[in-house]
Amino acid sequence: MVEAEEWTQRRVEDLIAISLYQARANKVREYVRTLYKNYEHYLKSIEEVRRIFAEEIAKERSLTQEVVELRRKETH
């Protein structure tokens, strides 16, 4: 009888924990939706972002050159 009550108590606690988790997940999901709506006009496609990065990197030294120079400074 005690085992059944303990099992029932654990099951109730599990259900409460699941409900709290779902409520928190729903709140986060709604927050992300709100952020998306607020910043949607700033978002760019991944192709456009890649193009912008490629242009910026092409104007400056390559990342490899940057790393080599930093390593030289560290070792000398």
PDB file of N, CA and C in Angstrom:
ATOM      1  N   MET A   1       0.826  -1.192   0.000  1.00  0.00           N
ATOM      2  CA  MET A   1       0.000   0.000   0.000  1.00  0.00           C
ATOM      3  C   MET A   1       0.870   1.255   0.000  1.00  0.00           C
ATOM      4  N   VAL A   2       1.935   1.246   0.816  1.00  0.00           N
ATOM      5  CA  VAL A   2       2.828   2.398   0.895  1.00  0.00           C
ATOM      6  C   VAL A   2       3.547   2.590  -0.435  1.00  0.00           C
ATOM      7  N   GLU A   3       3.953   1.472  -1.064  1.00  0.00           N
ATOM      8  CA  GLU A   3       4.639   1.558  -2.351  1.00  0.00           C
ATOM      9  C   GLU A   3       3.744   2.198  -3.407  1.00  0.00           C
ATOM     10  N   ALA A   4       2.478   1.858  -3.404  1.00  0.00           N
ATOM     11  CA  ALA A   4       1.537   2.418  -4.375  1.00  0.00           C
ATOM     12  C   ALA A   4       1.375   3.920  -4.152  1.00  0.00           C
ATOM     13  N   GLU A   5       1.321   4.329  -2.893  1.00  0.00           N
ATOM     14  CA  GLU A   5       1.194   5.759  -2.588  1.00  0.00           C
ATOM     15  C   GLU A   5       2.453   6.521  -3.002  1.00  0.00           C
ATOM     16  N   GLU A   6       3.622   5.915  -2.751  1.00  0.00           N
ATOM     17  CA  GLU A   6       4.879   6.555  -3.152  1.00  0.00           C
ATOM     18  C   GLU A   6       4.962   6.671  -4.668  1.00  0.00           C
ATOM     19  N   TRP A   7       4.550   5.614  -5.371  1.00  0.00           N
ATOM     20  CA  TRP A   7       4.572   5.642  -6.827  1.00  0.00           C
ATOM     21  C   TRP A   7       3.631   6.726  -7.337  1.00  0.00           C
ATOM     22  N   THR A   8       2.438   6.809  -6.739  1.00  0.00           N
ATOM     23  CA  THR A   8       1.467   7.827  -7.143  1.00  0.00           C
ATOM     24  C   THR A   8       2.017   9.219  -6.886  1.00  0.00           C
ATOM     25  N   GLN A   9       2.645   9.414  -5.741  1.00  0.00           N
ATOM     26  CA  GLN A   9       3.232  10.710  -5.399  1.00  0.00           C
ATOM     27  C   GLN A   9       4.320  11.089  -6.409  1.00  0.00           C
ATOM     28  N   ARG A  10       5.182  10.125  -6.742  1.00  0.00           N
ATOM     29  CA  ARG A  10       6.248  10.393  -7.725  1.00  0.00           C
ATOM     30  C   ARG A  10       5.648  10.726  -9.085  1.00  0.00           C
ATOM     31  N   ARG A  11       4.621  10.011  -9.454  1.00  0.00           N
ATOM     32  CA  ARG A  11       3.963  10.249 -10.749  1.00  0.00           C
ATOM     33  C   ARG A  11       3.361  11.653 -10.783  1.00  0.00           C
ATOM     34  N   VAL A  12       2.715  12.071  -9.717  1.00  0.00           N
ATOM     35  CA  VAL A  12       2.142  13.420  -9.634  1.00  0.00           C
ATOM     36  C   VAL A  12       3.252  14.460  -9.740  1.00  0.00           C
ATOM     37  N   GLU A  13       4.356  14.235  -9.021  1.00  0.00           N
ATOM     38  CA  GLU A  13       5.488  15.166  -9.087  1.00  0.00           C
ATOM     39  C   GLU A  13       6.067  15.231 -10.499  1.00  0.00           C
ATOM     40  N   ASP A  14       6.150  14.075 -11.167  1.00  0.00           N
ATOM     41  CA  ASP A  14       6.637  14.052 -12.546  1.00  0.00           C
ATOM     42  C   ASP A  14       5.721  14.853 -13.464  1.00  0.00           C
ATOM     43  N   LEU A  15       4.426  14.677 -13.301  1.00  0.00           N
ATOM     44  CA  LEU A  15       3.469  15.406 -14.142  1.00  0.00           C
ATOM     45  C   LEU A  15       3.546  16.911 -13.900  1.00  0.00           C
ATOM     46  N   ILE A  16       3.732  17.302 -12.652  1.00  0.00           N
ATOM     47  CA  ILE A  16       3.882  18.726 -12.332  1.00  0.00           C
ATOM     48  C   ILE A  16       5.150  19.270 -12.978  1.00  0.00           C
ATOM     49  N   ALA A  17       6.238  18.517 -12.872  1.00  0.00           N
ATOM     50  CA  ALA A  17       7.507  18.950 -13.471  1.00  0.00           C
ATOM     51  C   ALA A  17       7.371  19.078 -14.986  1.00  0.00           C
ATOM     52  N   ILE A  18       6.701  18.126 -15.613  1.00  0.00           N
ATOM     53  CA  ILE A  18       6.497  18.181 -17.062  1.00  0.00           C
ATOM     54  C   ILE A  18       5.668  19.404 -17.433  1.00  0.00           C
ATOM     55  N   SER A  19       4.623  19.672 -16.670  1.00  0.00           N
ATOM     56  CA  SER A  19       3.780  20.839 -16.945  1.00  0.00           C
ATOM     57  C   SER A  19       4.561  22.137 -16.805  1.00  0.00           C
ATOM     58  N   LEU A  20       5.397  22.225 -15.766  1.00  0.00           N
ATOM     59  CA  LEU A  20       6.221  23.423 -15.580  1.00  0.00           C
ATOM     60  C   LEU A  20       7.210  23.583 -16.726  1.00  0.00           C
ATOM     61  N   TYR A  21       7.815  22.475 -17.155  1.00  0.00           N
ATOM     62  CA  TYR A  21       8.752  22.515 -18.275  1.00  0.00           C
ATOM     63  C   TYR A  21       8.046  22.980 -19.544  1.00  0.00           C
ATOM     64  N   GLN A  22       6.865  22.431 -19.809  1.00  0.00           N
ATOM     65  CA  GLN A  22       6.115  22.819 -21.003  1.00  0.00           C
ATOM     66  C   GLN A  22       5.719  24.288 -20.954  1.00  0.00           C
ATOM     67  N   ALA A  23       5.336  24.771 -19.780  1.00  0.00           N
ATOM     68  CA  ALA A  23       4.978  26.182 -19.644  1.00  0.00           C
ATOM     69  C   ALA A  23       6.182  27.068 -19.926  1.00  0.00           C
ATOM     70  N   ARG A  24       7.336  26.685 -19.400  1.00  0.00           N
ATOM     71  CA  ARG A  24       8.554  27.469 -19.643  1.00  0.00           C
ATOM     72  C   ARG A  24       8.940  27.411 -21.121  1.00  0.00           C
ATOM     73  N   ALA A  25       8.858  26.237 -21.722  1.00  0.00           N
ATOM     74  CA  ALA A  25       9.193  26.097 -23.146  1.00  0.00           C
ATOM     75  C   ALA A  25       8.254  26.945 -24.000  1.00  0.00           C
ATOM     76  N   ASN A  26       6.980  26.961 -23.659  1.00  0.00           N
ATOM     77  CA  ASN A  26       6.019  27.788 -24.400  1.00  0.00           C
ATOM     78  C   ASN A  26       6.336  29.269 -24.249  1.00  0.00           C
ATOM     79  N   LYS A  27       6.746  29.671 -23.049  1.00  0.00           N
ATOM     80  CA  LYS A  27       7.099  31.066 -22.810  1.00  0.00           C
ATOM     81  C   LYS A  27       8.319  31.462 -23.643  1.00  0.00           C
ATOM     82  N   VAL A  28       9.321  30.597 -23.682  1.00  0.00           N
ATOM     83  CA  VAL A  28      10.521  30.868 -24.484  1.00  0.00           C
ATOM     84  C   VAL A  28      10.156  30.919 -25.962  1.00  0.00           C
ATOM     85  N   ARG A  29       9.343  29.985 -26.406  1.00  0.00           N
ATOM     86  CA  ARG A  29       8.917  29.948 -27.807  1.00  0.00           C
ATOM     87  C   ARG A  29       8.200  31.248 -28.183  1.00  0.00           C
ATOM     88  N   GLU A  30       7.321  31.717 -27.320  1.00  0.00           N
ATOM     89  CA  GLU A  30       6.592  32.959 -27.586  1.00  0.00           C
ATOM     90  C   GLU A  30       7.544  34.153 -27.598  1.00  0.00           C
ATOM     91  N   TYR A  31       8.528  34.152 -26.707  1.00  0.00           N
ATOM     92  CA  TYR A  31       9.521  35.229 -26.667  1.00  0.00           C
ATOM     93  C   TYR A  31      10.330  35.271 -27.962  1.00  0.00           C
ATOM     94  N   VAL A  32      10.714  34.092 -28.458  1.00  0.00           N
ATOM     95  CA  VAL A  32      11.463  34.030 -29.721  1.00  0.00           C
ATOM     96  C   VAL A  32      10.596  34.534 -30.872  1.00  0.00           C
ATOM     97  N   ARG A  33       9.337  34.177 -30.886  1.00  0.00           N
ATOM     98  CA  ARG A  33       8.429  34.678 -31.933  1.00  0.00           C
ATOM     99  C   ARG A  33       8.334  36.198 -31.890  1.00  0.00           C
ATOM    100  N   THR A  34       8.236  36.743 -30.688  1.00  0.00           N
ATOM    101  CA  THR A  34       8.162  38.199 -30.533  1.00  0.00           C
ATOM    102  C   THR A  34       9.441  38.857 -31.029  1.00  0.00           C
ATOM    103  N   LEU A  35      10.583  38.296 -30.654  1.00  0.00           N
ATOM    104  CA  LEU A  35      11.860  38.830 -31.136  1.00  0.00           C
ATOM    105  C   LEU A  35      11.922  38.790 -32.656  1.00  0.00           C
ATOM    106  N   TYR A  36      11.505  37.678 -33.228  1.00  0.00           N
ATOM    107  CA  TYR A  36      11.535  37.535 -34.684  1.00  0.00           C
ATOM    108  C   TYR A  36      10.680  38.609 -35.342  1.00  0.00           C
ATOM    109  N   LYS A  37       9.478  38.817 -34.817  1.00  0.00           N
ATOM    110  CA  LYS A  37       8.590  39.838 -35.393  1.00  0.00           C
ATOM    111  C   LYS A  37       9.209  41.224 -35.281  1.00  0.00           C
ATOM    112  N   ASN A  38       9.829  41.513 -34.139  1.00  0.00           N
ATOM    113  CA  ASN A  38      10.410  42.837 -33.920  1.00  0.00           C
ATOM    114  C   ASN A  38      11.626  43.098 -34.800  1.00  0.00           C
ATOM    115  N   TYR A  39      12.392  42.068 -35.111  1.00  0.00           N
ATOM    116  CA  TYR A  39      13.650  42.252 -35.845  1.00  0.00           C
ATOM    117  C   TYR A  39      13.619  41.679 -37.259  1.00  0.00           C
ATOM    118  N   GLU A  40      12.459  41.245 -37.709  1.00  0.00           N
ATOM    119  CA  GLU A  40      12.345  40.597 -39.014  1.00  0.00           C
ATOM    120  C   GLU A  40      12.880  41.476 -40.146  1.00  0.00           C
ATOM    121  N   HIS A  41      12.637  42.766 -40.066  1.00  0.00           N
ATOM    122  CA  HIS A  41      13.080  43.658 -41.144  1.00  0.00           C
ATOM    123  C   HIS A  41      14.601  43.812 -41.190  1.00  0.00           C
ATOM    124  N   TYR A  42      15.313  43.416 -40.140  1.00  0.00           N
ATOM    125  CA  TYR A  42      16.779  43.467 -40.134  1.00  0.00           C
ATOM    126  C   TYR A  42      17.419  42.180 -40.661  1.00  0.00           C
ATOM    127  N   LEU A  43      16.655  41.111 -40.716  1.00  0.00           N
ATOM    128  CA  LEU A  43      17.207  39.807 -41.072  1.00  0.00           C
ATOM    129  C   LEU A  43      17.555  39.730 -42.552  1.00  0.00           C
ATOM    130  N   LYS A  44      18.628  39.019 -42.838  1.00  0.00           N
ATOM    131  CA  LYS A  44      19.073  38.816 -44.213  1.00  0.00           C
ATOM    132  C   LYS A  44      19.184  37.312 -44.463  1.00  0.00           C
ATOM    133  N   SER A  45      19.093  36.946 -45.721  1.00  0.00           N
ATOM    134  CA  SER A  45      19.231  35.527 -46.062  1.00  0.00           C
ATOM    135  C   SER A  45      20.679  35.104 -45.846  1.00  0.00           C
ATOM    136  N   ILE A  46      20.890  33.818 -45.678  1.00  0.00           N
ATOM    137  CA  ILE A  46      22.236  33.301 -45.440  1.00  0.00           C
ATOM    138  C   ILE A  46      23.132  33.586 -46.639  1.00  0.00           C
ATOM    139  N   GLU A  47      22.566  33.546 -47.834  1.00  0.00           N
ATOM    140  CA  GLU A  47      23.355  33.841 -49.033  1.00  0.00           C
ATOM    141  C   GLU A  47      23.852  35.281 -49.008  1.00  0.00           C
ATOM    142  N   GLU A  48      22.989  36.197 -48.597  1.00  0.00           N
ATOM    143  CA  GLU A  48      23.382  37.603 -48.530  1.00  0.00           C
ATOM    144  C   GLU A  48      24.451  37.830 -47.456  1.00  0.00           C
ATOM    145  N   VAL A  49      24.308  37.168 -46.327  1.00  0.00           N
ATOM    146  CA  VAL A  49      25.303  37.289 -45.257  1.00  0.00           C
ATOM    147  C   VAL A  49      26.651  36.754 -45.733  1.00  0.00           C
ATOM    148  N   ARG A  50      26.650  35.628 -46.411  1.00  0.00           N
ATOM    149  CA  ARG A  50      27.901  35.065 -46.942  1.00  0.00           C
ATOM    150  C   ARG A  50      28.551  36.012 -47.943  1.00  0.00           C
ATOM    151  N   ARG A  51      27.733  36.631 -48.795  1.00  0.00           N
ATOM    152  CA  ARG A  51      28.258  37.570 -49.782  1.00  0.00           C
ATOM    153  C   ARG A  51      28.905  38.765 -49.096  1.00  0.00           C
ATOM    154  N   ILE A  52      28.243  39.296 -48.071  1.00  0.00           N
ATOM    155  CA  ILE A  52      28.779  40.446 -47.332  1.00  0.00           C
ATOM    156  C   ILE A  52      30.101  40.074 -46.668  1.00  0.00           C
ATOM    157  N   PHE A  53      30.145  38.920 -46.022  1.00  0.00           N
ATOM    158  CA  PHE A  53      31.398  38.479 -45.390  1.00  0.00           C
ATOM    159  C   PHE A  53      32.503  38.304 -46.421  1.00  0.00           C
ATOM    160  N   ALA A  54      32.161  37.717 -47.558  1.00  0.00           N
ATOM    161  CA  ALA A  54      33.169  37.503 -48.604  1.00  0.00           C
ATOM    162  C   ALA A  54      33.735  38.836 -49.074  1.00  0.00           C
ATOM    163  N   GLU A  55      32.883  39.839 -49.215  1.00  0.00           N
ATOM    164  CA  GLU A  55      33.352  41.165 -49.631  1.00  0.00           C
ATOM    165  C   GLU A  55      34.259  41.777 -48.574  1.00  0.00           C
ATOM    166  N   GLU A  56      33.875  41.667 -47.312  1.00  0.00           N
ATOM    167  CA  GLU A  56      34.675  42.245 -46.233  1.00  0.00           C
ATOM    168  C   GLU A  56      36.024  41.542 -46.102  1.00  0.00           C
ATOM    169  N   ILE A  57      36.034  40.241 -46.222  1.00  0.00           N
ATOM    170  CA  ILE A  57      37.285  39.493 -46.102  1.00  0.00           C
ATOM    171  C   ILE A  57      38.189  39.785 -47.292  1.00  0.00           C
ATOM    172  N   ALA A  58      37.609  39.917 -48.476  1.00  0.00           N
ATOM    173  CA  ALA A  58      38.409  40.181 -49.675  1.00  0.00           C
ATOM    174  C   ALA A  58      39.111  41.535 -49.585  1.00  0.00           C
ATOM    175  N   LYS A  59      38.506  42.504 -48.913  1.00  0.00           N
ATOM    176  CA  LYS A  59      39.094  43.834 -48.778  1.00  0.00           C
ATOM    177  C   LYS A  59      40.310  43.811 -47.860  1.00  0.00           C
ATOM    178  N   GLU A  60      40.305  42.927 -46.903  1.00  0.00           N
ATOM    179  CA  GLU A  60      41.383  42.859 -45.918  1.00  0.00           C
ATOM    180  C   GLU A  60      42.224  41.615 -46.168  1.00  0.00           C
ATOM    181  N   ARG A  61      43.168  41.408 -45.288  1.00  0.00           N
ATOM    182  CA  ARG A  61      43.974  40.192 -45.388  1.00  0.00           C
ATOM    183  C   ARG A  61      43.107  38.972 -45.133  1.00  0.00           C
ATOM    184  N   SER A  62      43.568  37.855 -45.603  1.00  0.00           N
ATOM    185  CA  SER A  62      42.811  36.632 -45.360  1.00  0.00           C
ATOM    186  C   SER A  62      42.945  36.243 -43.887  1.00  0.00           C
ATOM    187  N   LEU A  63      42.033  35.448 -43.447  1.00  0.00           N
ATOM    188  CA  LEU A  63      42.049  34.998 -42.058  1.00  0.00           C
ATOM    189  C   LEU A  63      43.317  34.197 -41.773  1.00  0.00           C
ATOM    190  N   THR A  64      43.760  33.407 -42.726  1.00  0.00           N
ATOM    191  CA  THR A  64      44.985  32.626 -42.546  1.00  0.00           C
ATOM    192  C   THR A  64      46.177  33.542 -42.323  1.00  0.00           C
ATOM    193  N   GLN A  65      46.272  34.600 -43.101  1.00  0.00           N
ATOM    194  CA  GLN A  65      47.366  35.554 -42.936  1.00  0.00           C
ATOM    195  C   GLN A  65      47.324  36.187 -41.552  1.00  0.00           C
ATOM    196  N   GLU A  66      46.139  36.490 -41.096  1.00  0.00           N
ATOM    197  CA  GLU A  66      45.953  37.083 -39.771  1.00  0.00           C
ATOM    198  C   GLU A  66      46.450  36.128 -38.681  1.00  0.00           C
ATOM    199  N   VAL A  67      46.086  34.864 -38.782  1.00  0.00           N
ATOM    200  CA  VAL A  67      46.490  33.864 -37.794  1.00  0.00           C
ATOM    201  C   VAL A  67      48.006  33.695 -37.791  1.00  0.00           C
ATOM    202  N   VAL A  68      48.617  33.628 -38.974  1.00  0.00           N
ATOM    203  CA  VAL A  68      50.070  33.478 -39.069  1.00  0.00           C
ATOM    204  C   VAL A  68      50.761  34.649 -38.392  1.00  0.00           C
ATOM    205  N   GLU A  69      50.284  35.853 -38.639  1.00  0.00           N
ATOM    206  CA  GLU A  69      50.899  37.035 -38.031  1.00  0.00           C
ATOM    207  C   GLU A  69      50.760  37.021 -36.510  1.00  0.00           C
ATOM    208  N   LEU A  70      49.604  36.647 -36.009  1.00  0.00           N
ATOM    209  CA  LEU A  70      49.405  36.574 -34.557  1.00  0.00           C
ATOM    210  C   LEU A  70      50.334  35.540 -33.928  1.00  0.00           C
ATOM    211  N   ARG A  71      50.511  34.410 -34.577  1.00  0.00           N
ATOM    212  CA  ARG A  71      51.409  33.376 -34.043  1.00  0.00           C
ATOM    213  C   ARG A  71      52.853  33.861 -34.035  1.00  0.00           C
ATOM    214  N   ARG A  72      53.254  34.587 -35.070  1.00  0.00           N
ATOM    215  CA  ARG A  72      54.615  35.139 -35.102  1.00  0.00           C
ATOM    216  C   ARG A  72      54.840  36.080 -33.930  1.00  0.00           C
ATOM    217  N   LYS A  73      53.855  36.921 -33.667  1.00  0.00           N
ATOM    218  CA  LYS A  73      53.975  37.876 -32.556  1.00  0.00           C
ATOM    219  C   LYS A  73      54.092  37.143 -31.226  1.00  0.00           C
ATOM    220  N   GLU A  74      53.354  36.054 -31.073  1.00  0.00           N
ATOM    221  CA  GLU A  74      53.390  35.297 -29.818  1.00  0.00           C
ATOM    222  C   GLU A  74      54.732  34.603 -29.612  1.00  0.00           C
ATOM    223  N   THR A  75      55.342  34.123 -30.684  1.00  0.00           N
ATOM    224  CA  THR A  75      56.583  33.360 -30.541  1.00  0.00           C
ATOM    225  C   THR A  75      57.823  34.240 -30.504  1.00  0.00           C
ATOM    226  N   HIS A  76      57.728  35.505 -30.912  1.00  0.00           N
ATOM    227  CA  HIS A  76      58.909  36.391 -30.917  1.00  0.00           C
ATOM    228  C   HIS A  76      58.839  37.422 -29.842  1.00  0.00           C
TER     229      HIS A  76
END
